[in-house]
Amino acid sequence: MKLTTYPTASAFLDAVGSSLGKREAEHHLVLGVAHAVASKGAVAEDLFAASVDDDNGIALAALMIGDRPLLVASDREDVGASAARQCINVSTGSMQ
């Protein structure tokens, strides 16, 4: 698994938008927040945007703005807790 973080919501959308957009009804919150932030140009220190990829593609996408809850999206049934834990650890600064 590979964790990638993005400095802007636009970069996040470029990386995961088409994948999440295939099932937009399920991922409308993550996509909507990312589009809203991209249109405002949120500063990097207020934004956590990441994806976890494996050999099968995007396993998980995560987005957090400031002190708001971490939003997580995945189309994959095989996504285990380790992918989500990676995003949570990075977003909170605890690299375990």
N, C-alpha and C. Protein backbone atom coordinates (compact mmCIF):
# COMPACT_ATOMS: atom_id res chain seq x y z
N MET A 1 0.82 -1.18 0.00
CA MET A 1 0.00 0.00 0.00
C MET A 1 0.87 1.24 0.00
N LYS A 2 0.39 2.23 -0.73
CA LYS A 2 1.12 3.49 -0.82
C LYS A 2 0.19 4.62 -0.43
N LEU A 3 0.61 5.43 0.52
CA LEU A 3 -0.14 6.60 0.95
C LEU A 3 0.41 7.82 0.22
N THR A 4 -0.49 8.58 -0.41
CA THR A 4 -0.11 9.82 -1.09
C THR A 4 -0.91 10.95 -0.49
N THR A 5 -0.24 12.02 -0.10
CA THR A 5 -0.94 13.20 0.40
C THR A 5 -0.89 14.28 -0.69
N TYR A 6 -1.88 15.15 -0.68
CA TYR A 6 -2.02 16.18 -1.70
C TYR A 6 -2.02 17.55 -1.04
N PRO A 7 -1.30 18.51 -1.62
CA PRO A 7 -1.19 19.84 -1.01
C PRO A 7 -2.44 20.70 -1.18
N THR A 8 -3.27 20.36 -2.17
CA THR A 8 -4.47 21.15 -2.45
C THR A 8 -5.65 20.23 -2.74
N ALA A 9 -6.84 20.77 -2.59
CA ALA A 9 -8.04 20.01 -2.93
C ALA A 9 -8.09 19.75 -4.43
N SER A 10 -7.58 20.67 -5.23
CA SER A 10 -7.54 20.47 -6.68
C SER A 10 -6.66 19.28 -7.05
N ALA A 11 -5.51 19.17 -6.41
CA ALA A 11 -4.62 18.02 -6.67
C ALA A 11 -5.29 16.72 -6.23
N PHE A 12 -5.99 16.76 -5.09
CA PHE A 12 -6.74 15.60 -4.61
C PHE A 12 -7.79 15.19 -5.64
N LEU A 13 -8.56 16.16 -6.13
CA LEU A 13 -9.59 15.86 -7.12
C LEU A 13 -8.99 15.33 -8.42
N ASP A 14 -7.85 15.87 -8.84
CA ASP A 14 -7.19 15.37 -10.04
C ASP A 14 -6.82 13.90 -9.89
N ALA A 15 -6.42 13.52 -8.68
CA ALA A 15 -5.97 12.15 -8.44
C ALA A 15 -7.11 11.16 -8.23
N VAL A 16 -8.14 11.56 -7.51
CA VAL A 16 -9.19 10.59 -7.11
C VAL A 16 -10.57 10.92 -7.65
N GLY A 17 -10.75 12.10 -8.21
CA GLY A 17 -12.07 12.54 -8.64
C GLY A 17 -12.76 11.63 -9.63
N SER A 18 -12.04 11.17 -10.64
CA SER A 18 -12.69 10.32 -11.65
C SER A 18 -13.07 8.97 -11.07
N SER A 19 -12.24 8.44 -10.19
CA SER A 19 -12.55 7.15 -9.56
C SER A 19 -13.77 7.27 -8.66
N LEU A 20 -13.79 8.28 -7.79
CA LEU A 20 -14.92 8.48 -6.89
C LEU A 20 -16.17 8.91 -7.65
N GLY A 21 -15.99 9.64 -8.72
CA GLY A 21 -17.10 10.13 -9.51
C GLY A 21 -17.92 9.03 -10.17
N LYS A 22 -17.33 7.87 -10.36
CA LYS A 22 -18.06 6.74 -10.95
C LYS A 22 -19.23 6.30 -10.07
N ARG A 23 -19.10 6.55 -8.77
CA ARG A 23 -20.16 6.24 -7.82
C ARG A 23 -20.44 7.49 -6.98
N GLU A 24 -20.76 8.55 -7.71
CA GLU A 24 -20.92 9.87 -7.09
C GLU A 24 -21.97 9.89 -5.99
N ALA A 25 -23.03 9.13 -6.14
CA ALA A 25 -24.08 9.13 -5.12
C ALA A 25 -23.55 8.67 -3.77
N GLU A 26 -22.59 7.76 -3.78
CA GLU A 26 -22.01 7.26 -2.54
C GLU A 26 -20.93 8.19 -1.99
N HIS A 27 -20.30 8.94 -2.87
CA HIS A 27 -19.15 9.75 -2.47
C HIS A 27 -19.40 11.25 -2.59
N HIS A 28 -20.67 11.63 -2.65
CA HIS A 28 -21.01 13.03 -2.87
C HIS A 28 -20.47 13.96 -1.78
N LEU A 29 -20.38 13.51 -0.55
CA LEU A 29 -19.90 14.38 0.52
C LEU A 29 -18.41 14.70 0.32
N VAL A 30 -17.60 13.67 0.11
CA VAL A 30 -16.16 13.89 -0.11
C VAL A 30 -15.94 14.75 -1.35
N LEU A 31 -16.63 14.42 -2.43
CA LEU A 31 -16.46 15.17 -3.67
C LEU A 31 -16.96 16.61 -3.53
N GLY A 32 -18.10 16.79 -2.89
CA GLY A 32 -18.65 18.13 -2.71
C GLY A 32 -17.76 19.02 -1.87
N VAL A 33 -17.27 18.48 -0.77
CA VAL A 33 -16.37 19.26 0.10
C VAL A 33 -15.08 19.59 -0.66
N ALA A 34 -14.53 18.62 -1.37
CA ALA A 34 -13.29 18.86 -2.12
C ALA A 34 -13.50 19.93 -3.19
N HIS A 35 -14.61 19.89 -3.90
CA HIS A 35 -14.88 20.91 -4.92
C HIS A 35 -15.07 22.28 -4.28
N ALA A 36 -15.75 22.34 -3.15
CA ALA A 36 -15.95 23.62 -2.46
C ALA A 36 -14.62 24.20 -2.00
N VAL A 37 -13.78 23.36 -1.45
CA VAL A 37 -12.47 23.83 -0.97
C VAL A 37 -11.59 24.23 -2.15
N ALA A 38 -11.64 23.46 -3.22
CA ALA A 38 -10.84 23.78 -4.41
C ALA A 38 -11.22 25.14 -4.97
N SER A 39 -12.50 25.46 -4.93
CA SER A 39 -12.95 26.74 -5.47
C SER A 39 -12.51 27.91 -4.59
N LYS A 40 -12.23 27.64 -3.31
CA LYS A 40 -11.79 28.70 -2.39
C LYS A 40 -10.29 28.73 -2.22
N GLY A 41 -9.59 27.67 -2.63
CA GLY A 41 -8.15 27.62 -2.50
C GLY A 41 -7.67 27.52 -1.07
N ALA A 42 -8.13 26.51 -0.32
CA ALA A 42 -7.75 26.34 1.09
C ALA A 42 -6.23 26.23 1.23
N VAL A 43 -5.74 26.78 2.29
CA VAL A 43 -4.30 26.72 2.56
C VAL A 43 -3.93 25.33 3.06
N ALA A 44 -2.70 24.91 2.77
CA ALA A 44 -2.25 23.55 3.04
C ALA A 44 -2.36 23.16 4.52
N GLU A 45 -2.09 24.08 5.43
CA GLU A 45 -2.13 23.70 6.84
C GLU A 45 -3.55 23.43 7.34
N ASP A 46 -4.55 23.85 6.63
CA ASP A 46 -5.95 23.58 6.99
C ASP A 46 -6.49 22.32 6.33
N LEU A 47 -5.75 21.75 5.41
CA LEU A 47 -6.23 20.67 4.57
C LEU A 47 -5.42 19.40 4.76
N PHE A 48 -6.13 18.28 4.93
CA PHE A 48 -5.50 16.97 4.82
C PHE A 48 -6.25 16.23 3.73
N ALA A 49 -5.54 15.89 2.68
CA ALA A 49 -6.12 15.15 1.56
C ALA A 49 -5.16 14.03 1.20
N ALA A 50 -5.68 12.81 1.11
CA ALA A 50 -4.80 11.67 0.87
C ALA A 50 -5.54 10.56 0.14
N SER A 51 -4.74 9.69 -0.46
CA SER A 51 -5.29 8.46 -1.02
C SER A 51 -4.34 7.32 -0.67
N VAL A 52 -4.92 6.15 -0.55
CA VAL A 52 -4.14 4.94 -0.33
C VAL A 52 -4.36 4.07 -1.56
N ASP A 53 -3.26 3.72 -2.21
CA ASP A 53 -3.31 2.93 -3.43
C ASP A 53 -2.59 1.60 -3.22
N ASP A 54 -3.05 0.60 -3.97
CA ASP A 54 -2.36 -0.68 -3.99
C ASP A 54 -2.30 -1.15 -5.44
N ASP A 55 -1.98 -2.41 -5.66
CA ASP A 55 -1.85 -2.93 -7.02
C ASP A 55 -3.14 -2.87 -7.81
N ASN A 56 -4.28 -2.75 -7.14
CA ASN A 56 -5.58 -2.69 -7.80
C ASN A 56 -6.09 -1.27 -8.01
N GLY A 57 -5.30 -0.27 -7.64
CA GLY A 57 -5.70 1.12 -7.81
C GLY A 57 -6.00 1.80 -6.48
N ILE A 58 -6.89 2.78 -6.53
CA ILE A 58 -7.23 3.54 -5.33
C ILE A 58 -8.04 2.66 -4.38
N ALA A 59 -7.52 2.48 -3.19
CA ALA A 59 -8.22 1.70 -2.18
C ALA A 59 -9.08 2.59 -1.30
N LEU A 60 -8.61 3.82 -1.07
CA LEU A 60 -9.28 4.70 -0.13
C LEU A 60 -8.86 6.14 -0.40
N ALA A 61 -9.80 7.05 -0.24
CA ALA A 61 -9.50 8.48 -0.33
C ALA A 61 -9.99 9.13 0.96
N ALA A 62 -9.24 10.10 1.45
CA ALA A 62 -9.59 10.75 2.72
C ALA A 62 -9.38 12.25 2.60
N LEU A 63 -10.27 12.99 3.26
CA LEU A 63 -10.22 14.45 3.21
C LEU A 63 -10.62 15.01 4.57
N MET A 64 -9.87 16.00 5.04
CA MET A 64 -10.19 16.66 6.30
C MET A 64 -9.80 18.13 6.18
N ILE A 65 -10.69 18.99 6.63
CA ILE A 65 -10.43 20.43 6.62
C ILE A 65 -10.43 20.91 8.07
N GLY A 66 -9.30 21.48 8.49
CA GLY A 66 -9.21 22.02 9.84
C GLY A 66 -9.56 20.99 10.90
N ASP A 67 -10.46 21.36 11.80
CA ASP A 67 -10.82 20.44 12.89
C ASP A 67 -12.11 19.68 12.59
N ARG A 68 -12.53 19.68 11.34
CA ARG A 68 -13.73 18.92 10.93
C ARG A 68 -13.41 17.43 10.91
N PRO A 69 -14.44 16.58 10.90
CA PRO A 69 -14.21 15.13 10.87
C PRO A 69 -13.48 14.68 9.60
N LEU A 70 -12.72 13.62 9.72
CA LEU A 70 -12.06 13.00 8.58
C LEU A 70 -13.11 12.29 7.74
N LEU A 71 -13.19 12.64 6.46
CA LEU A 71 -14.11 11.99 5.52
C LEU A 71 -13.33 10.93 4.76
N VAL A 72 -13.89 9.73 4.69
CA VAL A 72 -13.22 8.61 4.04
C VAL A 72 -14.16 8.01 3.01
N ALA A 73 -13.61 7.70 1.83
CA ALA A 73 -14.41 7.10 0.76
C ALA A 73 -13.66 5.94 0.14
N SER A 74 -14.39 4.88 -0.17
CA SER A 74 -13.82 3.74 -0.87
C SER A 74 -14.92 2.98 -1.58
N ASP A 75 -14.61 2.48 -2.75
CA ASP A 75 -15.52 1.60 -3.50
C ASP A 75 -15.20 0.14 -3.24
N ARG A 76 -14.17 -0.10 -2.50
CA ARG A 76 -13.64 -1.45 -2.37
C ARG A 76 -14.11 -2.14 -1.11
N GLU A 77 -14.60 -3.35 -1.26
CA GLU A 77 -15.01 -4.15 -0.10
C GLU A 77 -13.80 -4.74 0.61
N ASP A 78 -12.68 -4.85 -0.09
CA ASP A 78 -11.49 -5.47 0.48
C ASP A 78 -10.59 -4.50 1.23
N VAL A 79 -11.03 -3.25 1.37
CA VAL A 79 -10.22 -2.26 2.08
C VAL A 79 -10.26 -2.59 3.56
N GLY A 80 -9.11 -2.87 4.09
CA GLY A 80 -9.02 -3.22 5.50
C GLY A 80 -8.80 -2.01 6.38
N ALA A 81 -8.77 -2.25 7.64
CA ALA A 81 -8.56 -1.19 8.62
C ALA A 81 -7.18 -0.55 8.46
N SER A 82 -6.21 -1.29 7.90
CA SER A 82 -4.86 -0.73 7.80
C SER A 82 -4.82 0.49 6.89
N ALA A 83 -5.59 0.51 5.81
CA ALA A 83 -5.61 1.67 4.92
C ALA A 83 -6.21 2.87 5.63
N ALA A 84 -7.31 2.67 6.31
CA ALA A 84 -7.93 3.77 7.06
C ALA A 84 -7.02 4.23 8.19
N ARG A 85 -6.38 3.30 8.87
CA ARG A 85 -5.49 3.64 9.97
C ARG A 85 -4.31 4.49 9.46
N GLN A 86 -3.79 4.17 8.26
CA GLN A 86 -2.71 4.97 7.69
C GLN A 86 -3.15 6.43 7.55
N CYS A 87 -4.31 6.65 7.01
CA CYS A 87 -4.81 8.01 6.82
C CYS A 87 -5.04 8.72 8.16
N ILE A 88 -5.61 8.02 9.10
CA ILE A 88 -5.86 8.61 10.42
C ILE A 88 -4.57 8.97 11.11
N ASN A 89 -3.58 8.08 11.05
CA ASN A 89 -2.29 8.36 11.69
C ASN A 89 -1.61 9.58 11.08
N VAL A 90 -1.66 9.69 9.75
CA VAL A 90 -1.03 10.84 9.10
C VAL A 90 -1.79 12.12 9.42
N SER A 91 -3.13 12.04 9.38
CA SER A 91 -3.93 13.25 9.62
C SER A 91 -3.79 13.78 11.04
N THR A 92 -3.53 12.88 11.98
CA THR A 92 -3.38 13.31 13.38
C THR A 92 -1.92 13.52 13.77
N GLY A 93 -1.02 13.18 12.86
CA GLY A 93 0.40 13.37 13.14
C GLY A 93 1.04 12.26 13.92
N SER A 94 0.33 11.13 14.12
CA SER A 94 0.94 10.01 14.85
C SER A 94 1.29 8.92 13.87
N MET A 95 2.53 8.91 13.46
CA MET A 95 3.01 7.96 12.46
C MET A 95 3.41 6.65 13.12
N GLN A 96 2.45 5.74 13.28
CA GLN A 96 2.74 4.46 13.93
C GLN A 96 2.83 3.36 12.91
